[in-house]
N, C-alpha and C. Protein backbone atom coordinates (compact mmCIF):
# COMPACT_ATOMS: atom_id res chain seq x y z
N MET A 1 -131.33 276.05 193.01
CA MET A 1 -130.06 275.34 192.81
C MET A 1 -129.73 274.60 194.10
N THR A 2 -129.24 273.40 193.98
CA THR A 2 -128.86 272.67 195.18
C THR A 2 -127.60 273.29 195.77
N ASN A 3 -127.43 273.14 197.06
CA ASN A 3 -126.28 273.74 197.74
C ASN A 3 -125.07 272.83 197.73
N ASN A 4 -124.80 272.18 196.61
CA ASN A 4 -123.60 271.35 196.49
C ASN A 4 -122.39 272.19 196.12
N LEU A 5 -122.61 273.47 195.86
CA LEU A 5 -121.52 274.36 195.50
C LEU A 5 -120.86 274.89 196.76
N ASN A 6 -119.56 274.97 196.75
CA ASN A 6 -118.82 275.51 197.88
C ASN A 6 -118.47 276.95 197.55
N TYR A 7 -119.37 277.86 197.94
CA TYR A 7 -119.19 279.27 197.61
C TYR A 7 -117.90 279.83 198.20
N GLN A 8 -117.59 279.40 199.40
CA GLN A 8 -116.37 279.88 200.05
C GLN A 8 -115.14 279.50 199.22
N GLN A 9 -115.07 278.25 198.81
CA GLN A 9 -113.93 277.79 198.02
C GLN A 9 -113.85 278.53 196.68
N ILE A 10 -114.98 278.71 196.03
CA ILE A 10 -114.99 279.41 194.75
C ILE A 10 -114.51 280.85 194.94
N TYR A 11 -115.02 281.52 195.97
CA TYR A 11 -114.63 282.91 196.21
C TYR A 11 -113.15 283.02 196.56
N GLU A 12 -112.70 282.17 197.47
CA GLU A 12 -111.33 282.30 197.98
C GLU A 12 -110.28 281.74 197.02
N GLU A 13 -110.62 280.71 196.24
CA GLU A 13 -109.60 280.06 195.40
C GLU A 13 -109.73 280.39 193.91
N GLU A 14 -110.93 280.68 193.46
CA GLU A 14 -111.12 280.88 192.02
C GLU A 14 -111.17 282.36 191.62
N LEU A 15 -111.70 283.19 192.48
CA LEU A 15 -111.76 284.61 192.19
C LEU A 15 -110.38 285.22 192.46
N SER A 16 -109.84 285.90 191.47
CA SER A 16 -108.46 286.39 191.60
C SER A 16 -108.35 287.47 192.68
N GLU A 17 -107.20 287.50 193.30
CA GLU A 17 -106.92 288.53 194.31
C GLU A 17 -106.96 289.92 193.68
N HIS A 18 -106.57 290.01 192.42
CA HIS A 18 -106.59 291.30 191.73
C HIS A 18 -108.02 291.85 191.67
N ILE A 19 -108.98 291.01 191.32
CA ILE A 19 -110.38 291.45 191.26
C ILE A 19 -110.87 291.85 192.64
N LYS A 20 -110.57 291.02 193.63
CA LYS A 20 -111.02 291.33 195.00
C LYS A 20 -110.44 292.65 195.48
N SER A 21 -109.15 292.86 195.25
CA SER A 21 -108.53 294.10 195.73
C SER A 21 -109.03 295.31 194.94
N SER A 22 -109.23 295.16 193.63
CA SER A 22 -109.70 296.31 192.85
C SER A 22 -111.13 296.70 193.23
N LEU A 23 -111.93 295.74 193.70
CA LEU A 23 -113.28 296.03 194.17
C LEU A 23 -113.33 296.30 195.67
N GLU A 24 -112.15 296.29 196.28
CA GLU A 24 -112.01 296.49 197.72
C GLU A 24 -112.84 295.49 198.52
N LEU A 25 -112.75 294.24 198.08
CA LEU A 25 -113.43 293.14 198.78
C LEU A 25 -112.41 292.42 199.65
N PRO A 26 -112.84 291.85 200.76
CA PRO A 26 -111.91 291.09 201.60
C PRO A 26 -111.48 289.80 200.89
N SER A 27 -110.37 289.23 201.32
CA SER A 27 -109.86 288.02 200.68
C SER A 27 -110.61 286.77 201.15
N ARG A 28 -111.27 286.83 202.29
CA ARG A 28 -112.01 285.68 202.84
C ARG A 28 -113.51 285.84 202.63
N PHE A 29 -114.16 284.75 202.28
CA PHE A 29 -115.60 284.75 201.98
C PHE A 29 -116.42 285.23 203.17
N TYR A 30 -116.11 284.75 204.36
CA TYR A 30 -116.94 285.09 205.52
C TYR A 30 -116.62 286.46 206.09
N GLU A 31 -115.69 287.17 205.47
CA GLU A 31 -115.46 288.57 205.83
C GLU A 31 -116.34 289.50 205.00
N LEU A 32 -117.01 288.95 204.00
CA LEU A 32 -117.95 289.73 203.20
C LEU A 32 -119.19 290.04 204.02
N SER A 33 -119.86 291.13 203.68
CA SER A 33 -121.14 291.42 204.33
C SER A 33 -122.16 290.38 203.84
N HIS A 34 -123.27 290.29 204.54
CA HIS A 34 -124.31 289.34 204.17
C HIS A 34 -124.79 289.60 202.73
N GLN A 35 -124.98 290.85 202.37
CA GLN A 35 -125.44 291.20 201.02
C GLN A 35 -124.40 290.82 199.96
N GLN A 36 -123.13 291.02 200.27
CA GLN A 36 -122.07 290.66 199.33
C GLN A 36 -122.01 289.14 199.13
N ARG A 37 -122.17 288.39 200.23
CA ARG A 37 -122.20 286.92 200.12
C ARG A 37 -123.38 286.47 199.27
N MET A 38 -124.53 287.10 199.48
CA MET A 38 -125.72 286.74 198.70
C MET A 38 -125.48 287.02 197.21
N MET A 39 -124.82 288.13 196.90
CA MET A 39 -124.53 288.46 195.50
C MET A 39 -123.59 287.40 194.90
N ILE A 40 -122.54 287.03 195.62
CA ILE A 40 -121.60 286.02 195.14
C ILE A 40 -122.33 284.70 194.92
N GLU A 41 -123.16 284.31 195.87
CA GLU A 41 -123.91 283.05 195.76
C GLU A 41 -124.84 283.07 194.56
N GLU A 42 -125.54 284.18 194.33
CA GLU A 42 -126.43 284.27 193.18
C GLU A 42 -125.66 284.21 191.87
N LEU A 43 -124.52 284.88 191.80
CA LEU A 43 -123.71 284.85 190.59
C LEU A 43 -123.19 283.44 190.31
N VAL A 44 -122.73 282.76 191.36
CA VAL A 44 -122.22 281.40 191.19
C VAL A 44 -123.36 280.47 190.76
N ASP A 45 -124.52 280.60 191.41
CA ASP A 45 -125.69 279.78 191.05
C ASP A 45 -126.10 280.03 189.60
N PHE A 46 -126.13 281.29 189.20
CA PHE A 46 -126.49 281.61 187.82
C PHE A 46 -125.50 280.99 186.84
N GLY A 47 -124.22 281.12 187.13
CA GLY A 47 -123.20 280.54 186.26
C GLY A 47 -123.34 279.04 186.15
N ALA A 48 -123.63 278.39 187.26
CA ALA A 48 -123.79 276.93 187.26
C ALA A 48 -125.03 276.53 186.45
N ARG A 49 -126.14 277.23 186.65
CA ARG A 49 -127.36 276.94 185.88
C ARG A 49 -127.13 277.13 184.39
N GLU A 50 -126.46 278.22 184.05
CA GLU A 50 -126.20 278.52 182.63
C GLU A 50 -125.30 277.45 182.01
N ALA A 51 -124.28 277.03 182.74
CA ALA A 51 -123.37 275.99 182.23
C ALA A 51 -124.13 274.69 182.02
N ILE A 52 -124.97 274.32 182.97
CA ILE A 52 -125.76 273.10 182.86
C ILE A 52 -126.73 273.19 181.69
N ALA A 53 -127.37 274.34 181.53
CA ALA A 53 -128.32 274.51 180.42
C ALA A 53 -127.62 274.37 179.08
N GLN A 54 -126.41 274.88 178.96
CA GLN A 54 -125.69 274.78 177.71
C GLN A 54 -125.20 273.36 177.45
N VAL A 55 -124.77 272.68 178.49
CA VAL A 55 -124.27 271.32 178.34
C VAL A 55 -125.41 270.34 178.11
N LEU A 56 -126.53 270.57 178.76
CA LEU A 56 -127.65 269.64 178.67
C LEU A 56 -128.69 270.12 177.66
N ASP A 57 -128.24 270.53 176.51
CA ASP A 57 -129.12 270.94 175.42
C ASP A 57 -130.02 269.75 175.07
N PRO A 58 -131.35 269.92 175.09
CA PRO A 58 -132.26 268.80 174.84
C PRO A 58 -132.00 268.09 173.51
N GLU A 59 -131.69 268.82 172.47
CA GLU A 59 -131.42 268.19 171.17
C GLU A 59 -130.18 267.31 171.25
N VAL A 60 -129.15 267.81 171.91
CA VAL A 60 -127.92 267.02 172.06
C VAL A 60 -128.20 265.79 172.91
N LEU A 61 -129.00 265.95 173.95
CA LEU A 61 -129.33 264.80 174.80
C LEU A 61 -130.10 263.74 174.03
N GLN A 62 -131.03 264.15 173.17
CA GLN A 62 -131.79 263.19 172.37
C GLN A 62 -130.87 262.43 171.42
N GLU A 63 -129.95 263.15 170.79
CA GLU A 63 -129.00 262.49 169.89
C GLU A 63 -128.09 261.54 170.66
N THR A 64 -127.68 261.95 171.86
CA THR A 64 -126.82 261.10 172.69
C THR A 64 -127.57 259.85 173.12
N ALA A 65 -128.84 259.99 173.48
CA ALA A 65 -129.65 258.84 173.88
C ALA A 65 -129.81 257.86 172.72
N ALA A 66 -130.05 258.39 171.52
CA ALA A 66 -130.20 257.52 170.35
C ALA A 66 -128.90 256.78 170.06
N LEU A 67 -127.79 257.49 170.14
CA LEU A 67 -126.49 256.86 169.91
C LEU A 67 -126.20 255.80 170.96
N ALA A 68 -126.52 256.10 172.22
CA ALA A 68 -126.30 255.13 173.29
C ALA A 68 -127.15 253.88 173.07
N GLY A 69 -128.39 254.06 172.61
CA GLY A 69 -129.24 252.91 172.32
C GLY A 69 -128.69 252.05 171.20
N GLU A 70 -128.20 252.72 170.15
CA GLU A 70 -127.60 252.00 169.03
C GLU A 70 -126.35 251.24 169.47
N MET A 71 -125.52 251.90 170.27
CA MET A 71 -124.30 251.25 170.75
C MET A 71 -124.64 250.06 171.64
N GLY A 72 -125.68 250.21 172.46
CA GLY A 72 -126.10 249.11 173.32
C GLY A 72 -126.55 247.90 172.50
N ALA A 73 -127.31 248.17 171.43
CA ALA A 73 -127.77 247.07 170.57
C ALA A 73 -126.59 246.38 169.90
N GLN A 74 -125.63 247.17 169.44
CA GLN A 74 -124.45 246.58 168.80
C GLN A 74 -123.64 245.75 169.79
N LEU A 75 -123.49 246.24 171.02
CA LEU A 75 -122.76 245.47 172.03
C LEU A 75 -123.49 244.18 172.37
N TYR A 76 -124.82 244.25 172.45
CA TYR A 76 -125.62 243.06 172.73
C TYR A 76 -125.42 242.01 171.63
N ASN A 77 -125.48 242.46 170.37
CA ASN A 77 -125.27 241.53 169.25
C ASN A 77 -123.85 240.96 169.26
N PHE A 78 -122.88 241.79 169.58
CA PHE A 78 -121.50 241.34 169.66
C PHE A 78 -121.34 240.30 170.77
N ALA A 79 -121.95 240.54 171.91
CA ALA A 79 -121.88 239.58 173.02
C ALA A 79 -122.51 238.25 172.62
N ASN A 80 -123.64 238.31 171.92
CA ASN A 80 -124.29 237.08 171.45
C ASN A 80 -123.41 236.33 170.46
N MET A 81 -122.73 237.06 169.57
CA MET A 81 -121.85 236.44 168.60
C MET A 81 -120.69 235.72 169.32
N ILE A 82 -120.11 236.40 170.30
CA ILE A 82 -119.01 235.79 171.06
C ILE A 82 -119.50 234.57 171.81
N GLN A 83 -120.67 234.68 172.41
CA GLN A 83 -121.23 233.55 173.16
C GLN A 83 -121.48 232.36 172.24
N SER A 84 -122.04 232.62 171.07
CA SER A 84 -122.29 231.51 170.15
C SER A 84 -120.98 230.89 169.67
N GLN A 85 -119.96 231.69 169.49
CA GLN A 85 -118.65 231.17 169.08
C GLN A 85 -118.04 230.30 170.18
N THR A 86 -118.16 230.75 171.43
CA THR A 86 -117.60 229.93 172.52
C THR A 86 -118.41 228.65 172.68
N ASP A 87 -119.72 228.71 172.41
CA ASP A 87 -120.53 227.48 172.46
C ASP A 87 -120.08 226.52 171.37
N LEU A 88 -119.79 227.03 170.16
CA LEU A 88 -119.29 226.17 169.08
C LEU A 88 -117.95 225.56 169.45
N ASP A 89 -117.07 226.37 170.04
CA ASP A 89 -115.77 225.86 170.46
C ASP A 89 -115.93 224.74 171.47
N ASP A 90 -116.87 224.90 172.41
CA ASP A 90 -117.12 223.85 173.40
C ASP A 90 -117.62 222.59 172.71
N ASP A 91 -118.52 222.75 171.73
CA ASP A 91 -119.04 221.59 170.99
C ASP A 91 -117.92 220.91 170.21
N ASP A 92 -117.04 221.70 169.59
CA ASP A 92 -115.92 221.14 168.83
C ASP A 92 -115.02 220.31 169.74
N ARG A 93 -114.80 220.78 170.93
CA ARG A 93 -113.93 220.05 171.87
C ARG A 93 -114.58 218.73 172.27
N ARG A 94 -115.90 218.74 172.40
CA ARG A 94 -116.58 217.51 172.79
C ARG A 94 -116.58 216.49 171.64
N VAL A 95 -116.71 216.99 170.41
CA VAL A 95 -116.81 216.09 169.28
C VAL A 95 -115.44 215.59 168.85
N TRP A 96 -114.45 216.48 168.84
CA TRP A 96 -113.11 216.11 168.40
C TRP A 96 -112.09 216.40 169.49
N PRO A 97 -111.97 215.52 170.48
CA PRO A 97 -111.00 215.76 171.55
C PRO A 97 -109.58 215.66 171.01
N GLU A 98 -108.66 216.29 171.72
CA GLU A 98 -107.26 216.30 171.28
C GLU A 98 -106.65 214.90 171.31
N HIS A 99 -107.01 214.11 172.33
CA HIS A 99 -106.38 212.79 172.49
C HIS A 99 -107.45 211.72 172.46
N GLY A 100 -107.19 210.69 171.75
CA GLY A 100 -108.08 209.52 171.75
C GLY A 100 -109.18 209.63 170.71
N ASP A 101 -109.97 208.53 170.64
CA ASP A 101 -111.01 208.45 169.64
C ASP A 101 -112.38 208.80 170.18
N GLU A 102 -112.52 208.88 171.51
CA GLU A 102 -113.87 209.03 172.03
C GLU A 102 -114.51 210.33 171.57
N GLY A 103 -115.76 210.25 171.28
CA GLY A 103 -116.55 211.40 170.88
C GLY A 103 -116.49 211.73 169.41
N THR A 104 -115.75 211.00 168.60
CA THR A 104 -115.71 211.30 167.18
C THR A 104 -116.91 210.69 166.50
N THR A 105 -117.36 211.34 165.44
CA THR A 105 -118.50 210.78 164.70
C THR A 105 -118.13 210.51 163.28
């Protein structure tokens, strides 16, 4: 697991004081023994891996990728439709200007 997790913050801010006191653990992360810190770090790492594994279910990711591809194709077609409409509007302005006769056929 990458060390992007702030074990100290998780221990001091997320773990309830009730749990720490009932286990007779200190309130500060660096007051823990080396073995206790290692246990906390392993538990946090395991929880993070498990959460990622559940969120990044391969089947869900495949469905999400397919949906994203479909949405991208639809947006591309929509952009082309808008572009062609603005091109027609530009042509209409050139052929039928608001004032005067120039450009009429």
